[in-house]
Amino acid sequence: MLIDITGVILIPGNQGKDCPGNGEDETIECCCDECDYMLCCLDTEYPDHCATCSERDCPRNGEVDQK
């Protein structure tokens, strides 16, 4: 599990749509400005990074087909 310094659980990938810290929930402060995993949320970067991800706590690790 990836946790921000504010205690928010981070879910990289899927263009940031699934991440509670993406700024869409008004009760949770946006974590994107300081997120180490932000590149994983960008459409152009996500597939390549996810395919070679070594972050064992990432909830998406291994979900992309390894071709």
PDB file of N, CA and C in Angstrom:
ATOM      1  N   MET A   1       0.844  -1.167   0.000  1.00  0.00           N
ATOM      2  CA  MET A   1       0.000   0.000   0.000  1.00  0.00           C
ATOM      3  C   MET A   1       0.896   1.239   0.000  1.00  0.00           C
ATOM      4  N   LEU A   2       0.582   2.176  -0.867  1.00  0.00           N
ATOM      5  CA  LEU A   2       1.327   3.425  -0.965  1.00  0.00           C
ATOM      6  C   LEU A   2       0.565   4.503  -0.200  1.00  0.00           C
ATOM      7  N   ILE A   3       1.240   5.136   0.733  1.00  0.00           N
ATOM      8  CA  ILE A   3       0.585   6.141   1.570  1.00  0.00           C
ATOM      9  C   ILE A   3       1.345   7.455   1.495  1.00  0.00           C
ATOM     10  N   ASP A   4       0.618   8.537   1.240  1.00  0.00           N
ATOM     11  CA  ASP A   4       1.173   9.885   1.195  1.00  0.00           C
ATOM     12  C   ASP A   4       1.537  10.325   2.616  1.00  0.00           C
ATOM     13  N   ILE A   5       2.364  11.363   2.731  1.00  0.00           N
ATOM     14  CA  ILE A   5       2.742  11.853   4.055  1.00  0.00           C
ATOM     15  C   ILE A   5       1.547  12.367   4.853  1.00  0.00           C
ATOM     16  N   THR A   6       0.456  12.673   4.142  1.00  0.00           N
ATOM     17  CA  THR A   6      -0.758  13.132   4.834  1.00  0.00           C
ATOM     18  C   THR A   6      -1.621  11.959   5.290  1.00  0.00           C
ATOM     19  N   GLY A   7      -1.223  10.732   4.922  1.00  0.00           N
ATOM     20  CA  GLY A   7      -1.973   9.549   5.308  1.00  0.00           C
ATOM     21  C   GLY A   7      -2.951   9.054   4.262  1.00  0.00           C
ATOM     22  N   VAL A   8      -3.001   9.717   3.103  1.00  0.00           N
ATOM     23  CA  VAL A   8      -3.907   9.316   2.027  1.00  0.00           C
ATOM     24  C   VAL A   8      -3.313   8.118   1.291  1.00  0.00           C
ATOM     25  N   ILE A   9      -4.126   7.092   1.076  1.00  0.00           N
ATOM     26  CA  ILE A   9      -3.687   5.939   0.300  1.00  0.00           C
ATOM     27  C   ILE A   9      -3.665   6.334  -1.166  1.00  0.00           C
ATOM     28  N   LEU A  10      -2.515   6.133  -1.819  1.00  0.00           N
ATOM     29  CA  LEU A  10      -2.342   6.515  -3.222  1.00  0.00           C
ATOM     30  C   LEU A  10      -2.549   5.312  -4.127  1.00  0.00           C
ATOM     31  N   ILE A  11      -3.275   5.527  -5.220  1.00  0.00           N
ATOM     32  CA  ILE A  11      -3.496   4.481  -6.211  1.00  0.00           C
ATOM     33  C   ILE A  11      -3.079   5.044  -7.564  1.00  0.00           C
ATOM     34  N   PRO A  12      -1.813   4.825  -7.979  1.00  0.00           N
ATOM     35  CA  PRO A  12      -1.333   5.353  -9.241  1.00  0.00           C
ATOM     36  C   PRO A  12      -1.977   4.654 -10.433  1.00  0.00           C
ATOM     37  N   GLY A  13      -1.787   5.224 -11.615  1.00  0.00           N
ATOM     38  CA  GLY A  13      -2.303   4.634 -12.845  1.00  0.00           C
ATOM     39  C   GLY A  13      -3.710   5.108 -13.168  1.00  0.00           C
ATOM     40  N   ASN A  14      -4.248   4.617 -14.274  1.00  0.00           N
ATOM     41  CA  ASN A  14      -5.603   4.932 -14.726  1.00  0.00           C
ATOM     42  C   ASN A  14      -5.838   6.431 -14.786  1.00  0.00           C
ATOM     43  N   GLN A  15      -4.817   7.165 -15.199  1.00  0.00           N
ATOM     44  CA  GLN A  15      -4.878   8.617 -15.338  1.00  0.00           C
ATOM     45  C   GLN A  15      -5.277   9.310 -14.034  1.00  0.00           C
ATOM     46  N   GLY A  16      -4.971   8.695 -12.910  1.00  0.00           N
ATOM     47  CA  GLY A  16      -5.257   9.289 -11.611  1.00  0.00           C
ATOM     48  C   GLY A  16      -6.707   9.204 -11.174  1.00  0.00           C
ATOM     49  N   LYS A  17      -7.563   8.595 -11.986  1.00  0.00           N
ATOM     50  CA  LYS A  17      -8.995   8.568 -11.700  1.00  0.00           C
ATOM     51  C   LYS A  17      -9.347   7.804 -10.426  1.00  0.00           C
ATOM     52  N   ASP A  18      -8.546   6.794 -10.057  1.00  0.00           N
ATOM     53  CA  ASP A  18      -8.854   5.956  -8.904  1.00  0.00           C
ATOM     54  C   ASP A  18      -8.203   6.431  -7.613  1.00  0.00           C
ATOM     55  N   CYS A  19      -7.310   7.407  -7.709  1.00  0.00           N
ATOM     56  CA  CYS A  19      -6.544   7.835  -6.537  1.00  0.00           C
ATOM     57  C   CYS A  19      -7.354   8.792  -5.662  1.00  0.00           C
ATOM     58  N   PRO A  20      -7.513   8.467  -4.385  1.00  0.00           N
ATOM     59  CA  PRO A  20      -8.234   9.354  -3.479  1.00  0.00           C
ATOM     60  C   PRO A  20      -7.581  10.730  -3.339  1.00  0.00           C
ATOM     61  N   GLY A  21      -6.284  10.841  -3.624  1.00  0.00           N
ATOM     62  CA  GLY A  21      -5.571  12.106  -3.497  1.00  0.00           C
ATOM     63  C   GLY A  21      -5.544  12.921  -4.770  1.00  0.00           C
ATOM     64  N   ASN A  22      -6.430  12.628  -5.719  1.00  0.00           N
ATOM     65  CA  ASN A  22      -6.400  13.306  -7.018  1.00  0.00           C
ATOM     66  C   ASN A  22      -7.054  14.682  -7.023  1.00  0.00           C
ATOM     67  N   GLY A  23      -7.576  15.120  -5.899  1.00  0.00           N
ATOM     68  CA  GLY A  23      -8.157  16.450  -5.803  1.00  0.00           C
ATOM     69  C   GLY A  23      -9.648  16.509  -6.097  1.00  0.00           C
ATOM     70  N   GLU A  24     -10.248  15.402  -6.495  1.00  0.00           N
ATOM     71  CA  GLU A  24     -11.672  15.390  -6.805  1.00  0.00           C
ATOM     72  C   GLU A  24     -12.548  15.316  -5.554  1.00  0.00           C
ATOM     73  N   ASP A  25     -12.020  14.720  -4.496  1.00  0.00           N
ATOM     74  CA  ASP A  25     -12.763  14.620  -3.231  1.00  0.00           C
ATOM     75  C   ASP A  25     -12.439  15.856  -2.405  1.00  0.00           C
ATOM     76  N   GLU A  26     -13.432  16.679  -2.156  1.00  0.00           N
ATOM     77  CA  GLU A  26     -13.207  17.946  -1.448  1.00  0.00           C
ATOM     78  C   GLU A  26     -12.781  17.755   0.005  1.00  0.00           C
ATOM     79  N   THR A  27     -12.961  16.560   0.550  1.00  0.00           N
ATOM     80  CA  THR A  27     -12.580  16.314   1.942  1.00  0.00           C
ATOM     81  C   THR A  27     -11.123  15.880   2.072  1.00  0.00           C
ATOM     82  N   ILE A  28     -10.471  15.578   0.936  1.00  0.00           N
ATOM     83  CA  ILE A  28      -9.073  15.146   0.929  1.00  0.00           C
ATOM     84  C   ILE A  28      -8.253  16.133   0.113  1.00  0.00           C
ATOM     85  N   GLU A  29      -7.178  16.631   0.712  1.00  0.00           N
ATOM     86  CA  GLU A  29      -6.301  17.566   0.007  1.00  0.00           C
ATOM     87  C   GLU A  29      -5.621  16.869  -1.168  1.00  0.00           C
ATOM     88  N   CYS A  30      -5.489  17.559  -2.287  1.00  0.00           N
ATOM     89  CA  CYS A  30      -4.836  17.002  -3.469  1.00  0.00           C
ATOM     90  C   CYS A  30      -3.372  16.703  -3.161  1.00  0.00           C
ATOM     91  N   CYS A  31      -2.949  15.495  -3.468  1.00  0.00           N
ATOM     92  CA  CYS A  31      -1.582  15.052  -3.180  1.00  0.00           C
ATOM     93  C   CYS A  31      -0.688  15.090  -4.422  1.00  0.00           C
ATOM     94  N   CYS A  32      -1.247  15.434  -5.574  1.00  0.00           N
ATOM     95  CA  CYS A  32      -0.523  15.315  -6.849  1.00  0.00           C
ATOM     96  C   CYS A  32       0.739  16.169  -6.921  1.00  0.00           C
ATOM     97  N   ASP A  33       0.736  17.336  -6.308  1.00  0.00           N
ATOM     98  CA  ASP A  33       1.887  18.241  -6.405  1.00  0.00           C
ATOM     99  C   ASP A  33       3.164  17.648  -5.845  1.00  0.00           C
ATOM    100  N   GLU A  34       3.048  16.768  -4.866  1.00  0.00           N
ATOM    101  CA  GLU A  34       4.229  16.191  -4.242  1.00  0.00           C
ATOM    102  C   GLU A  34       4.275  14.670  -4.387  1.00  0.00           C
ATOM    103  N   CYS A  35       3.483  14.138  -5.318  1.00  0.00           N
ATOM    104  CA  CYS A  35       3.376  12.686  -5.449  1.00  0.00           C
ATOM    105  C   CYS A  35       4.536  12.094  -6.244  1.00  0.00           C
ATOM    106  N   ASP A  36       5.245  11.132  -5.653  1.00  0.00           N
ATOM    107  CA  ASP A  36       6.335  10.451  -6.342  1.00  0.00           C
ATOM    108  C   ASP A  36       5.832   9.548  -7.458  1.00  0.00           C
ATOM    109  N   TYR A  37       4.556   9.232  -7.454  1.00  0.00           N
ATOM    110  CA  TYR A  37       3.982   8.300  -8.414  1.00  0.00           C
ATOM    111  C   TYR A  37       3.132   8.992  -9.471  1.00  0.00           C
ATOM    112  N   MET A  38       3.203  10.322  -9.568  1.00  0.00           N
ATOM    113  CA  MET A  38       2.360  11.061 -10.496  1.00  0.00           C
ATOM    114  C   MET A  38       2.563  10.628 -11.946  1.00  0.00           C
ATOM    115  N   LEU A  39       3.806  10.339 -12.346  1.00  0.00           N
ATOM    116  CA  LEU A  39       4.052   9.896 -13.720  1.00  0.00           C
ATOM    117  C   LEU A  39       3.271   8.639 -14.052  1.00  0.00           C
ATOM    118  N   CYS A  40       3.003   7.813 -13.064  1.00  0.00           N
ATOM    119  CA  CYS A  40       2.233   6.590 -13.292  1.00  0.00           C
ATOM    120  C   CYS A  40       0.772   6.899 -13.594  1.00  0.00           C
ATOM    121  N   CYS A  41       0.323   8.103 -13.290  1.00  0.00           N
ATOM    122  CA  CYS A  41      -1.063   8.489 -13.535  1.00  0.00           C
ATOM    123  C   CYS A  41      -1.260   9.123 -14.905  1.00  0.00           C
ATOM    124  N   LEU A  42      -0.162   9.491 -15.561  1.00  0.00           N
ATOM    125  CA  LEU A  42      -0.275  10.146 -16.854  1.00  0.00           C
ATOM    126  C   LEU A  42      -0.489   9.106 -17.953  1.00  0.00           C
ATOM    127  N   ASP A  43      -1.397   9.385 -18.850  1.00  0.00           N
ATOM    128  CA  ASP A  43      -1.777   8.450 -19.912  1.00  0.00           C
ATOM    129  C   ASP A  43      -0.585   7.980 -20.732  1.00  0.00           C
ATOM    130  N   THR A  44       0.354   8.890 -21.047  1.00  0.00           N
ATOM    131  CA  THR A  44       1.477   8.532 -21.914  1.00  0.00           C
ATOM    132  C   THR A  44       2.551   7.730 -21.183  1.00  0.00           C
ATOM    133  N   GLU A  45       2.611   7.823 -19.866  1.00  0.00           N
ATOM    134  CA  GLU A  45       3.670   7.166 -19.109  1.00  0.00           C
ATOM    135  C   GLU A  45       3.231   5.869 -18.440  1.00  0.00           C
ATOM    136  N   TYR A  46       1.987   5.778 -18.096  1.00  0.00           N
ATOM    137  CA  TYR A  46       1.501   4.663 -17.276  1.00  0.00           C
ATOM    138  C   TYR A  46       1.827   3.269 -17.809  1.00  0.00           C
ATOM    139  N   PRO A  47       1.523   2.926 -19.065  1.00  0.00           N
ATOM    140  CA  PRO A  47       1.748   1.541 -19.491  1.00  0.00           C
ATOM    141  C   PRO A  47       3.205   1.103 -19.397  1.00  0.00           C
ATOM    142  N   ASP A  48       4.133   1.954 -19.810  1.00  0.00           N
ATOM    143  CA  ASP A  48       5.544   1.572 -19.763  1.00  0.00           C
ATOM    144  C   ASP A  48       6.050   1.435 -18.337  1.00  0.00           C
ATOM    145  N   HIS A  49       5.678   2.373 -17.493  1.00  0.00           N
ATOM    146  CA  HIS A  49       6.127   2.318 -16.095  1.00  0.00           C
ATOM    147  C   HIS A  49       5.506   1.137 -15.373  1.00  0.00           C
ATOM    148  N   CYS A  50       4.249   0.872 -15.628  1.00  0.00           N
ATOM    149  CA  CYS A  50       3.569  -0.216 -14.940  1.00  0.00           C
ATOM    150  C   CYS A  50       4.150  -1.576 -15.345  1.00  0.00           C
ATOM    151  N   ALA A  51       4.518  -1.709 -16.594  1.00  0.00           N
ATOM    152  CA  ALA A  51       5.058  -2.969 -17.087  1.00  0.00           C
ATOM    153  C   ALA A  51       6.402  -3.303 -16.452  1.00  0.00           C
ATOM    154  N   THR A  52       7.135  -2.280 -15.996  1.00  0.00           N
ATOM    155  CA  THR A  52       8.447  -2.508 -15.396  1.00  0.00           C
ATOM    156  C   THR A  52       8.489  -2.089 -13.931  1.00  0.00           C
ATOM    157  N   CYS A  53       7.339  -1.936 -13.316  1.00  0.00           N
ATOM    158  CA  CYS A  53       7.253  -1.445 -11.940  1.00  0.00           C
ATOM    159  C   CYS A  53       7.900  -2.417 -10.957  1.00  0.00           C
ATOM    160  N   SER A  54       8.705  -1.883 -10.069  1.00  0.00           N
ATOM    161  CA  SER A  54       9.316  -2.715  -9.033  1.00  0.00           C
ATOM    162  C   SER A  54       8.769  -2.356  -7.649  1.00  0.00           C
ATOM    163  N   GLU A  55       7.758  -1.500  -7.614  1.00  0.00           N
ATOM    164  CA  GLU A  55       7.133  -1.098  -6.352  1.00  0.00           C
ATOM    165  C   GLU A  55       6.153  -2.199  -5.931  1.00  0.00           C
ATOM    166  N   ARG A  56       6.594  -3.060  -5.038  1.00  0.00           N
ATOM    167  CA  ARG A  56       5.771  -4.220  -4.685  1.00  0.00           C
ATOM    168  C   ARG A  56       4.475  -3.851  -3.976  1.00  0.00           C
ATOM    169  N   ASP A  57       4.404  -2.668  -3.390  1.00  0.00           N
ATOM    170  CA  ASP A  57       3.192  -2.254  -2.692  1.00  0.00           C
ATOM    171  C   ASP A  57       2.172  -1.581  -3.608  1.00  0.00           C
ATOM    172  N   CYS A  58       2.521  -1.358  -4.865  1.00  0.00           N
ATOM    173  CA  CYS A  58       1.592  -0.709  -5.789  1.00  0.00           C
ATOM    174  C   CYS A  58       0.436  -1.652  -6.094  1.00  0.00           C
ATOM    175  N   PRO A  59      -0.801  -1.179  -5.949  1.00  0.00           N
ATOM    176  CA  PRO A  59      -1.944  -2.058  -6.204  1.00  0.00           C
ATOM    177  C   PRO A  59      -2.095  -2.463  -7.666  1.00  0.00           C
ATOM    178  N   ARG A  60      -1.422  -1.783  -8.589  1.00  0.00           N
ATOM    179  CA  ARG A  60      -1.517  -2.124 -10.014  1.00  0.00           C
ATOM    180  C   ARG A  60      -0.330  -2.955 -10.502  1.00  0.00           C
ATOM    181  N   ASN A  61       0.654  -3.187  -9.679  1.00  0.00           N
ATOM    182  CA  ASN A  61       1.831  -3.953 -10.083  1.00  0.00           C
ATOM    183  C   ASN A  61       1.407  -5.335 -10.571  1.00  0.00           C
ATOM    184  N   GLY A  62       1.762  -5.626 -11.820  1.00  0.00           N
ATOM    185  CA  GLY A  62       1.442  -6.926 -12.387  1.00  0.00           C
ATOM    186  C   GLY A  62       0.104  -6.997 -13.094  1.00  0.00           C
ATOM    187  N   GLU A  63      -0.656  -5.887 -13.113  1.00  0.00           N
ATOM    188  CA  GLU A  63      -1.958  -5.924 -13.764  1.00  0.00           C
ATOM    189  C   GLU A  63      -1.877  -5.686 -15.264  1.00  0.00           C
ATOM    190  N   VAL A  64      -0.737  -5.192 -15.747  1.00  0.00           N
ATOM    191  CA  VAL A  64      -0.568  -4.950 -17.171  1.00  0.00           C
ATOM    192  C   VAL A  64       0.058  -6.202 -17.781  1.00  0.00           C
ATOM    193  N   ASP A  65      -0.447  -6.628 -18.928  1.00  0.00           N
ATOM    194  CA  ASP A  65       0.097  -7.806 -19.597  1.00  0.00           C
ATOM    195  C   ASP A  65       1.574  -7.600 -19.900  1.00  0.00           C
ATOM    196  N   GLN A  66       2.382  -8.541 -19.540  1.00  0.00           N
ATOM    197  CA  GLN A  66       3.823  -8.476 -19.818  1.00  0.00           C
ATOM    198  C   GLN A  66       4.066  -9.102 -21.185  1.00  0.00           C
ATOM    199  N   LYS A  67       4.246  -8.290 -22.224  1.00  0.00           N
ATOM    200  CA  LYS A  67       4.452  -8.812 -23.582  1.00  0.00           C
ATOM    201  C   LYS A  67       5.904  -8.800 -23.942  1.00  0.00           C
TER     202      LYS A  67
END
